[in-house]
C-alpha cells in the first residue's frame, strides 16, 4: 500500500513513518522542511506545504491512502504559547485534500484528531475542559472540529482517530476503542500505540466512516 503521510516531522508523525516503512508501506511525505526527514528505502519526500493545492497534487499522486497527523503547533508545550501555524491550518488543508483524494480515487483517509473534540468534550475531565476554554490549546481543538466536519461530510472512506493524552512510552500498548463514550476511555496512550493504530485503521473496514477514541487498555 502506498500512502501519503502529512505531519511526518512531528512527534507522532515520526513514529508513523518509522512503523510504516518497517511494515513495508511505500510512503510519500510532504513537508515544508524536507531536510528534517531522513531519506530511506520506500520513502519519497516532497518539499512543499500541505496547504498548497499543487503540492498536494504532486504528493498524493499514485497513493492508495492518506494519514494526517497535522496539528496546530505552538512554539512550546506551554498552553498559552503563541502559535507556529495559522488558526485554521487543519481545516484549510482538509478542504483542499478531500477533492484531490476523490479525483485520484484514493481509497482510505485516516486523520488524528483528539479526545475532547466536538461531542467528546463532555466526556473529558473538568480540568482539561478549562484548558481548552482558556488557553491556546483550544485553538487546535476548534480547528480539529472543523476538519472533522469537512471529512465526515465527504464521500471518502474516512476514519477519525481521537487519542486521549499522549505519552512518549516506547511500548505498543493494548488499545481500548471507545465509541459514544462506551467503554469509558482511560486518560493516557503512547504515541507509538497511536501511530500503529492509525496505520492499521487504513486496512480495517470496520472503521470506515467512524470516529473512535483510543486509549490504553
Protein backbone atom coordinates (compact mmCIF):
# COMPACT_ATOMS: atom_id res chain seq x y z
CA UNK A 1 0.00 0.00 0.00
CA UNK A 2 1.30 3.44 -0.91
CA UNK A 3 0.33 6.21 1.49
CA UNK A 4 0.75 9.94 1.85
CA UNK A 5 1.79 10.95 5.36
CA UNK A 6 1.17 14.53 6.46
CA UNK A 7 2.87 15.68 9.65
CA UNK A 8 5.88 13.36 9.37
CA UNK A 9 8.19 15.76 11.22
CA UNK A 10 6.05 15.85 14.37
CA UNK A 11 6.47 13.62 17.40
CA UNK A 12 3.70 11.20 16.43
CA UNK A 13 4.32 11.57 12.70
CA UNK A 14 7.93 10.40 13.03
CA UNK A 15 6.65 7.19 14.63
CA UNK A 16 4.02 6.66 11.92
CA UNK A 17 6.76 6.99 9.30
CA UNK A 18 9.14 4.57 11.03
CA UNK A 19 6.47 1.92 11.62
CA UNK A 20 5.05 2.28 8.09
CA UNK A 21 8.44 1.69 6.49
CA UNK A 22 9.12 -1.25 8.83
CA UNK A 23 5.82 -2.80 7.73
CA UNK A 24 6.70 -2.40 4.05
CA UNK A 25 4.47 0.52 3.10
CA UNK A 26 5.59 2.84 0.33
CA UNK A 27 5.39 6.30 1.88
CA UNK A 28 5.12 9.77 0.37
CA UNK A 29 5.89 12.59 2.82
CA UNK A 30 5.01 16.22 2.14
CA UNK A 31 6.84 18.62 4.43
CA UNK A 32 7.76 22.29 4.41
CA UNK A 33 11.26 21.45 5.67
CA UNK A 34 12.14 18.25 3.86
CA UNK A 35 15.67 18.23 5.30
CA UNK A 36 14.12 17.21 8.63
CA UNK A 37 13.22 13.81 7.15
CA UNK A 38 15.99 11.27 6.53
CA UNK A 39 15.85 9.51 3.18
CA UNK A 40 15.15 5.78 3.48
CA UNK A 41 14.14 2.89 1.21
CA UNK A 42 10.43 3.02 0.44
CA UNK A 43 10.21 6.75 1.16
CA UNK A 44 9.61 9.58 -1.31
CA UNK A 45 9.99 13.07 0.13
CA UNK A 46 8.21 16.08 -1.35
CA UNK A 47 9.10 19.56 -0.19
CA UNK A 48 6.07 21.80 -0.01
CA UNK A 49 3.14 22.99 2.05
CA UNK A 50 0.16 20.69 2.67
CA UNK A 51 -1.96 23.84 2.43
CA UNK A 52 -0.90 24.31 -1.20
CA UNK A 53 -3.05 22.54 -3.80
CA UNK A 54 -0.25 21.98 -6.30
CA UNK A 55 1.99 20.46 -3.62
CA UNK A 56 -0.82 18.13 -2.53
CA UNK A 57 -1.44 17.04 -6.12
CA UNK A 58 2.22 16.10 -6.50
CA UNK A 59 2.47 14.23 -3.23
CA UNK A 60 -0.86 12.37 -3.46
CA UNK A 61 -0.34 11.03 -6.98
CA UNK A 62 -0.36 7.24 -7.01
CA UNK A 63 -1.31 6.85 -3.34
CA UNK A 64 -3.90 4.39 -2.01
CA UNK A 65 -4.39 6.08 1.35
CA UNK A 66 -3.65 9.17 3.41
CA UNK A 67 -2.73 9.58 7.08
CA UNK A 68 -2.73 13.07 8.55
CA UNK A 69 -1.16 13.78 11.93
CA UNK A 70 -1.00 17.51 11.29
CA UNK A 71 -1.76 19.76 14.22
CA UNK A 72 -1.94 23.42 15.15
CA UNK A 73 1.53 23.75 16.62
CA UNK A 74 2.64 26.11 19.37
CA UNK A 75 6.16 27.41 19.94
CA UNK A 76 6.34 25.34 23.13
CA UNK A 77 4.19 22.93 25.13
CA UNK A 78 3.15 25.80 27.41
CA UNK A 79 -0.65 26.05 26.93
CA UNK A 80 -0.54 29.83 26.33
CA UNK A 81 2.44 29.71 23.98
CA UNK A 82 1.99 31.55 20.68
CA UNK A 83 1.18 29.59 17.53
CA UNK A 84 3.53 28.47 14.77
CA UNK A 85 0.72 27.69 12.34
CA UNK A 86 -2.43 29.59 11.30
CA UNK A 87 -5.51 29.05 13.48
CA UNK A 88 -7.40 27.27 10.69
CA UNK A 89 -4.50 25.34 9.16
CA UNK A 90 -6.03 21.87 9.62
CA UNK A 91 -9.40 22.73 8.10
CA UNK A 92 -7.80 24.62 5.22
CA UNK A 93 -5.63 21.60 4.37
CA UNK A 94 -8.57 19.18 4.64
CA UNK A 95 -10.74 21.34 2.38
CA UNK A 96 -8.07 21.00 -0.32
CA UNK A 97 -7.21 17.36 0.32
CA UNK A 98 -10.71 15.85 0.13
CA UNK A 99 -11.48 16.79 -3.51
CA UNK A 100 -7.99 15.77 -4.64
CA UNK A 101 -8.43 12.39 -2.94
CA UNK A 102 -11.71 11.93 -4.80
CA UNK A 103 -10.08 12.88 -8.10
CA UNK A 104 -7.27 10.37 -7.52
CA UNK A 105 -9.70 7.70 -6.27
CA UNK A 106 -7.77 7.33 -3.01
CA UNK A 107 -9.36 4.50 -1.07
CA UNK A 108 -8.81 5.44 2.59
CA UNK A 109 -8.10 8.52 4.71
CA UNK A 110 -7.32 8.40 8.43
CA UNK A 111 -6.77 11.54 10.47
CA UNK A 112 -5.51 12.03 14.00
CA UNK A 113 -7.81 14.34 15.96
CA UNK A 114 -8.16 14.39 19.77
CA UNK A 115 -10.36 13.28 22.64
CA UNK A 116 -12.30 16.37 23.68
CA UNK A 117 -13.12 17.48 20.14
CA UNK A 118 -16.78 18.10 19.23
CA UNK A 119 -19.25 15.89 21.13
CA UNK A 120 -16.47 14.21 23.16
CA UNK A 121 -15.76 17.46 25.06
CA UNK A 122 -18.48 16.49 27.53
CA UNK A 123 -16.54 13.29 28.36
CA UNK A 124 -13.16 14.78 29.30
CA UNK A 125 -12.09 15.79 32.85
CA UNK A 126 -13.20 19.24 34.02
CA UNK A 127 -9.64 20.49 34.45
CA UNK A 128 -8.90 19.71 30.80
CA UNK A 129 -12.06 21.47 29.63
CA UNK A 130 -10.79 24.54 31.46
CA UNK A 131 -7.52 24.47 29.48
CA UNK A 132 -9.41 24.09 26.19
CA UNK A 133 -11.65 27.03 27.07
CA UNK A 134 -8.95 29.31 28.50
CA UNK A 135 -5.68 28.66 26.65
CA UNK A 136 -4.29 28.30 23.14
CA UNK A 137 -4.89 24.55 23.34
CA UNK A 138 -8.49 25.37 22.44
CA UNK A 139 -7.49 26.81 19.06
CA UNK A 140 -6.32 23.39 17.91
CA UNK A 141 -9.48 21.72 19.24
CA UNK A 142 -11.72 24.15 17.35
CA UNK A 143 -9.86 23.51 14.11
CA UNK A 144 -9.85 19.75 14.63
CA UNK A 145 -13.63 20.02 14.85
CA UNK A 146 -13.72 21.97 11.57
CA UNK A 147 -11.54 19.47 9.74
CA UNK A 148 -13.62 16.59 11.14
CA UNK A 149 -16.77 18.18 9.70
CA UNK A 150 -15.15 18.60 6.28
CA UNK A 151 -14.03 14.99 6.00
CA UNK A 152 -17.12 13.46 7.60
CA UNK A 153 -19.36 15.32 5.14
CA UNK A 154 -17.38 13.93 2.20
CA UNK A 155 -17.85 10.69 0.31
CA UNK A 156 -14.37 9.48 1.27
CA UNK A 157 -13.83 6.28 3.24
CA UNK A 158 -12.53 8.12 6.28
CA UNK A 159 -11.63 7.26 9.85
CA UNK A 160 -11.24 9.87 12.59
CA UNK A 161 -8.97 8.73 15.41
CA UNK A 162 -9.23 10.67 18.67
CA UNK A 163 -6.44 9.68 21.07
CA UNK A 164 -6.52 10.63 24.74
CA UNK A 165 -3.47 12.20 26.43
CA UNK A 166 -0.25 11.22 24.68
CA UNK A 167 2.85 9.77 26.35
CA UNK A 168 6.28 9.10 24.89
CA UNK A 169 6.40 5.49 26.06
CA UNK A 170 8.21 3.25 23.59
CA UNK A 171 5.79 0.39 24.18
CA UNK A 172 2.96 -0.54 21.85
CA UNK A 173 0.07 -0.95 24.27
CA UNK A 174 -3.20 -2.84 24.07
CA UNK A 175 -5.64 -0.28 22.68
CA UNK A 176 -9.12 0.33 24.05
CA UNK A 177 -11.59 1.56 21.41
CA UNK A 178 -14.37 3.85 22.62
CA UNK A 179 -17.49 4.81 20.68
CA UNK A 180 -20.03 7.22 22.21
CA UNK A 181 -18.05 7.11 25.49
CA UNK A 182 -18.52 3.33 25.80
CA UNK A 183 -16.46 1.83 27.29
CA UNK A 184 -15.15 4.87 29.14
CA UNK A 185 -11.58 5.52 27.99
CA UNK A 186 -8.56 5.75 30.22
CA UNK A 187 -6.71 9.08 30.05
CA UNK A 188 -3.35 8.09 28.50
CA UNK A 189 -1.95 6.30 25.47
CA UNK A 190 1.53 6.17 23.95
CA UNK A 191 2.31 7.96 20.70
CA UNK A 192 3.70 4.67 19.40
CA UNK A 193 0.35 2.96 20.01
CA UNK A 194 -1.46 5.80 18.21
CA UNK A 195 0.93 5.58 15.25
CA UNK A 196 0.40 1.83 14.97
CA UNK A 197 -3.38 2.19 15.23
CA UNK A 198 -3.50 4.87 12.54
CA UNK A 199 -1.70 2.59 10.10
CA UNK A 200 -3.88 -0.39 10.95
CA UNK A 201 -7.01 1.73 10.54
CA UNK A 202 -6.31 2.16 6.83
CA UNK A 203 -6.98 -1.53 6.27
CA UNK A 204 -9.74 -2.02 8.85
CA UNK A 205 -13.06 -1.75 7.03
CA UNK A 206 -15.00 -1.79 10.32
CA UNK A 207 -13.62 1.72 10.97
CA UNK A 208 -14.81 3.25 7.71
CA UNK A 209 -16.82 6.45 8.40
CA UNK A 210 -16.34 6.09 12.16
CA UNK A 211 -14.95 8.33 14.89
CA UNK A 212 -13.09 6.40 17.56
CA UNK A 213 -11.50 7.47 20.83
CA UNK A 214 -8.44 5.34 21.62
CA UNK A 215 -6.73 4.87 24.97
CA UNK A 216 -4.51 2.41 26.81
CA UNK A 217 -6.40 -0.74 27.86
